[in-house]
Every structure is written in structure tokens, then in C-alpha cells.
Amino acid sequence: MEEPIKIYTLSTCSHCKATKKFLDKCQVQYEFQDVDLLQGKERAAILEDVKKWNPRCSFPTIIIGDKVIVGYKEEEIKEAIGL
């Protein structure tokens, strides 16, 4: 069974875009949230979520199962998704 993949991103972030493109290339399903496009309480709630995984609250924050990868790190992502 594949681990669920969730990514917290910014719509303007080149590393975030590269991460999504890489996961698309690997043909894995993932959920993403462009945090900068949210507003008010929704944005605050998502930022609290991000901080639980990544206290520095930097992007992209990638969660694969219970593993957290901060930033665009191809090798780490490949390893976490079993490629």
C-alpha cells in the first residue's frame, strides 16, 4: 500500500513547483495545498498544521506517511516513495 502524500506549498515557489512536477513524473498521487492562496481562519489552521510537521514553516513541506521532507530533495523523496 502506498503512503499518502501531502504537500504544503506556495503558489509562487519554484521549489514547490519542482516538487509537484517531480511527483507527477514519478506518477504518484498526492494532495497539495497552496498556503498563500488561503485566507483568514483557513490559512491560520493550515499554518498550524505545517508547524506541527515543520516548526520553521518553510516550503515545500512534504509529508509521506509519517516522514517529513522539507524542501525539494529529489533523492529523499524517491527513497520515501520507494523508487
N, C-alpha and C. Protein backbone atom coordinates (compact mmCIF):
# COMPACT_ATOMS: atom_id res chain seq x y z
N MET A 1 0.83 -1.20 0.00
CA MET A 1 0.00 0.00 0.00
C MET A 1 0.87 1.26 0.00
N GLU A 2 0.50 2.21 -0.84
CA GLU A 2 1.27 3.45 -0.91
C GLU A 2 0.94 4.36 0.26
N GLU A 3 1.96 5.02 0.75
CA GLU A 3 1.77 6.01 1.82
C GLU A 3 1.06 7.23 1.23
N PRO A 4 0.15 7.84 1.99
CA PRO A 4 -0.45 9.08 1.47
C PRO A 4 0.60 10.19 1.43
N ILE A 5 0.51 11.02 0.41
CA ILE A 5 1.47 12.12 0.25
C ILE A 5 0.70 13.43 0.29
N LYS A 6 1.17 14.33 1.16
CA LYS A 6 0.55 15.66 1.27
C LYS A 6 1.68 16.68 1.19
N ILE A 7 1.46 17.71 0.41
CA ILE A 7 2.49 18.76 0.27
C ILE A 7 1.86 20.10 0.60
N TYR A 8 2.56 20.85 1.43
CA TYR A 8 2.18 22.24 1.70
C TYR A 8 3.10 23.10 0.86
N THR A 9 2.50 23.93 0.01
CA THR A 9 3.29 24.69 -0.96
C THR A 9 2.86 26.16 -0.98
N LEU A 10 3.63 26.94 -1.72
CA LEU A 10 3.25 28.32 -2.05
C LEU A 10 3.10 28.36 -3.56
N SER A 11 2.11 29.04 -4.05
CA SER A 11 1.83 29.04 -5.50
C SER A 11 2.97 29.68 -6.30
N THR A 12 3.76 30.53 -5.65
CA THR A 12 4.82 31.27 -6.36
C THR A 12 6.21 30.67 -6.18
N CYS A 13 6.30 29.56 -5.44
CA CYS A 13 7.59 29.00 -5.05
C CYS A 13 8.14 28.03 -6.11
N SER A 14 9.33 28.30 -6.62
CA SER A 14 9.89 27.44 -7.68
C SER A 14 10.22 26.04 -7.15
N HIS A 15 10.66 25.93 -5.90
CA HIS A 15 10.95 24.60 -5.32
C HIS A 15 9.67 23.79 -5.18
N CYS A 16 8.58 24.48 -4.84
CA CYS A 16 7.28 23.81 -4.70
C CYS A 16 6.81 23.28 -6.05
N LYS A 17 6.96 24.12 -7.09
CA LYS A 17 6.56 23.71 -8.44
C LYS A 17 7.41 22.53 -8.90
N ALA A 18 8.71 22.57 -8.60
CA ALA A 18 9.60 21.47 -9.00
C ALA A 18 9.21 20.17 -8.29
N THR A 19 8.80 20.28 -7.03
CA THR A 19 8.39 19.10 -6.27
C THR A 19 7.15 18.46 -6.90
N LYS A 20 6.15 19.29 -7.22
CA LYS A 20 4.93 18.77 -7.85
C LYS A 20 5.25 18.12 -9.20
N LYS A 21 6.10 18.79 -9.98
CA LYS A 21 6.47 18.27 -11.29
C LYS A 21 7.19 16.92 -11.14
N PHE A 22 8.07 16.83 -10.16
CA PHE A 22 8.80 15.59 -9.91
C PHE A 22 7.85 14.46 -9.52
N LEU A 23 6.91 14.74 -8.63
CA LEU A 23 5.94 13.71 -8.22
C LEU A 23 5.04 13.30 -9.39
N ASP A 24 4.68 14.26 -10.23
CA ASP A 24 3.91 13.93 -11.43
C ASP A 24 4.71 12.98 -12.33
N LYS A 25 5.99 13.29 -12.49
CA LYS A 25 6.87 12.46 -13.32
C LYS A 25 6.98 11.04 -12.75
N CYS A 26 6.96 10.94 -11.43
CA CYS A 26 7.04 9.63 -10.76
C CYS A 26 5.68 8.92 -10.76
N GLN A 27 4.67 9.61 -11.26
CA GLN A 27 3.31 9.08 -11.36
C GLN A 27 2.76 8.62 -10.02
N VAL A 28 2.96 9.45 -9.00
CA VAL A 28 2.37 9.16 -7.69
C VAL A 28 1.28 10.18 -7.41
N GLN A 29 0.28 9.75 -6.69
CA GLN A 29 -0.80 10.65 -6.34
C GLN A 29 -0.43 11.41 -5.08
N TYR A 30 -0.80 12.66 -5.04
CA TYR A 30 -0.52 13.47 -3.85
C TYR A 30 -1.59 14.55 -3.73
N GLU A 31 -1.72 15.04 -2.51
CA GLU A 31 -2.58 16.19 -2.26
C GLU A 31 -1.68 17.36 -2.00
N PHE A 32 -2.07 18.53 -2.46
CA PHE A 32 -1.27 19.71 -2.11
C PHE A 32 -2.17 20.85 -1.70
N GLN A 33 -1.58 21.75 -0.95
CA GLN A 33 -2.30 22.94 -0.50
C GLN A 33 -1.40 24.14 -0.73
N ASP A 34 -1.83 25.06 -1.61
CA ASP A 34 -1.10 26.32 -1.81
C ASP A 34 -1.50 27.25 -0.67
N VAL A 35 -0.65 27.31 0.34
CA VAL A 35 -0.98 28.04 1.57
C VAL A 35 -1.20 29.53 1.33
N ASP A 36 -0.44 30.11 0.39
CA ASP A 36 -0.56 31.55 0.15
C ASP A 36 -1.89 31.93 -0.52
N LEU A 37 -2.62 30.96 -1.05
CA LEU A 37 -3.90 31.27 -1.69
C LEU A 37 -5.08 31.20 -0.70
N LEU A 38 -4.78 30.75 0.52
CA LEU A 38 -5.82 30.67 1.55
C LEU A 38 -5.92 32.00 2.28
N GLN A 39 -7.03 32.20 2.98
CA GLN A 39 -7.19 33.44 3.74
C GLN A 39 -7.77 33.15 5.12
N GLY A 40 -7.57 34.10 6.00
CA GLY A 40 -8.23 34.08 7.31
C GLY A 40 -8.00 32.82 8.12
N LYS A 41 -9.10 32.30 8.68
CA LYS A 41 -9.03 31.15 9.59
C LYS A 41 -8.50 29.91 8.90
N GLU A 42 -8.88 29.72 7.65
CA GLU A 42 -8.43 28.53 6.90
C GLU A 42 -6.90 28.54 6.78
N ARG A 43 -6.36 29.72 6.44
CA ARG A 43 -4.91 29.86 6.31
C ARG A 43 -4.23 29.63 7.66
N ALA A 44 -4.76 30.21 8.71
CA ALA A 44 -4.18 30.06 10.05
C ALA A 44 -4.18 28.59 10.47
N ALA A 45 -5.27 27.88 10.19
CA ALA A 45 -5.37 26.46 10.56
C ALA A 45 -4.34 25.62 9.81
N ILE A 46 -4.18 25.88 8.52
CA ILE A 46 -3.20 25.13 7.72
C ILE A 46 -1.78 25.43 8.21
N LEU A 47 -1.50 26.69 8.52
CA LEU A 47 -0.16 27.04 9.02
C LEU A 47 0.13 26.34 10.34
N GLU A 48 -0.87 26.16 11.18
CA GLU A 48 -0.68 25.40 12.42
C GLU A 48 -0.32 23.95 12.09
N ASP A 49 -0.99 23.38 11.09
CA ASP A 49 -0.68 22.02 10.63
C ASP A 49 0.77 21.93 10.16
N VAL A 50 1.16 22.89 9.32
CA VAL A 50 2.53 22.89 8.78
C VAL A 50 3.53 22.93 9.93
N LYS A 51 3.28 23.79 10.92
CA LYS A 51 4.22 23.95 12.05
C LYS A 51 4.38 22.66 12.86
N LYS A 52 3.32 21.83 12.90
CA LYS A 52 3.44 20.54 13.60
C LYS A 52 4.49 19.66 12.93
N TRP A 53 4.53 19.72 11.60
CA TRP A 53 5.47 18.89 10.84
C TRP A 53 6.82 19.58 10.68
N ASN A 54 6.78 20.89 10.50
CA ASN A 54 7.98 21.67 10.18
C ASN A 54 7.92 23.00 10.94
N PRO A 55 8.50 23.02 12.15
CA PRO A 55 8.42 24.23 13.00
C PRO A 55 8.90 25.51 12.32
N ARG A 56 9.80 25.39 11.34
CA ARG A 56 10.29 26.60 10.64
C ARG A 56 9.27 27.12 9.65
N CYS A 57 8.28 26.27 9.33
CA CYS A 57 7.18 26.67 8.44
C CYS A 57 7.72 27.15 7.09
N SER A 58 8.63 26.37 6.53
CA SER A 58 9.17 26.71 5.21
C SER A 58 8.54 25.78 4.17
N PHE A 59 8.73 26.12 2.91
CA PHE A 59 8.05 25.40 1.85
C PHE A 59 9.01 24.94 0.77
N PRO A 60 8.74 23.83 0.10
CA PRO A 60 7.62 22.93 0.37
C PRO A 60 7.86 22.08 1.61
N THR A 61 6.80 21.76 2.31
CA THR A 61 6.84 20.77 3.39
C THR A 61 6.10 19.56 2.85
N ILE A 62 6.81 18.45 2.73
CA ILE A 62 6.27 17.24 2.11
C ILE A 62 6.10 16.18 3.18
N ILE A 63 4.92 15.62 3.27
CA ILE A 63 4.65 14.57 4.25
C ILE A 63 4.30 13.30 3.49
N ILE A 64 5.13 12.28 3.68
CA ILE A 64 4.90 11.00 3.03
C ILE A 64 4.75 9.98 4.15
N GLY A 65 3.51 9.56 4.39
CA GLY A 65 3.24 8.71 5.54
C GLY A 65 3.54 9.52 6.79
N ASP A 66 4.52 9.07 7.59
CA ASP A 66 4.90 9.86 8.77
C ASP A 66 6.29 10.47 8.61
N LYS A 67 6.81 10.45 7.39
CA LYS A 67 8.12 11.05 7.11
C LYS A 67 7.92 12.47 6.58
N VAL A 68 8.75 13.37 7.07
CA VAL A 68 8.66 14.77 6.64
C VAL A 68 9.92 15.15 5.89
N ILE A 69 9.74 15.73 4.72
CA ILE A 69 10.87 16.24 3.93
C ILE A 69 10.60 17.73 3.73
N VAL A 70 11.58 18.55 4.08
CA VAL A 70 11.42 20.00 3.92
C VAL A 70 12.32 20.42 2.77
N GLY A 71 11.71 21.03 1.76
CA GLY A 71 12.47 21.46 0.59
C GLY A 71 12.40 20.44 -0.52
N TYR A 72 12.94 20.81 -1.66
CA TYR A 72 12.91 19.93 -2.84
C TYR A 72 14.16 19.07 -2.81
N LYS A 73 14.02 17.86 -2.32
CA LYS A 73 15.16 16.94 -2.20
C LYS A 73 14.80 15.65 -2.93
N GLU A 74 15.15 15.63 -4.22
CA GLU A 74 14.75 14.52 -5.09
C GLU A 74 15.08 13.15 -4.53
N GLU A 75 16.31 12.98 -4.06
CA GLU A 75 16.74 11.66 -3.57
C GLU A 75 15.91 11.22 -2.37
N GLU A 76 15.69 12.14 -1.43
CA GLU A 76 14.92 11.81 -0.24
C GLU A 76 13.47 11.47 -0.60
N ILE A 77 12.92 12.21 -1.55
CA ILE A 77 11.53 11.96 -1.98
C ILE A 77 11.45 10.59 -2.63
N LYS A 78 12.42 10.29 -3.53
CA LYS A 78 12.43 8.99 -4.20
C LYS A 78 12.48 7.85 -3.19
N GLU A 79 13.35 7.99 -2.21
CA GLU A 79 13.50 6.97 -1.18
C GLU A 79 12.19 6.80 -0.40
N ALA A 80 11.57 7.92 -0.05
CA ALA A 80 10.34 7.88 0.76
C ALA A 80 9.17 7.26 0.00
N ILE A 81 9.15 7.43 -1.33
CA ILE A 81 8.04 6.85 -2.10
C ILE A 81 8.41 5.48 -2.67
N GLY A 82 9.63 5.02 -2.35
CA GLY A 82 10.04 3.67 -2.73
C GLY A 82 10.46 3.51 -4.17
N LEU A 83 11.13 4.51 -4.71
CA LEU A 83 11.65 4.40 -6.09
C LEU A 83 13.13 4.10 -6.09
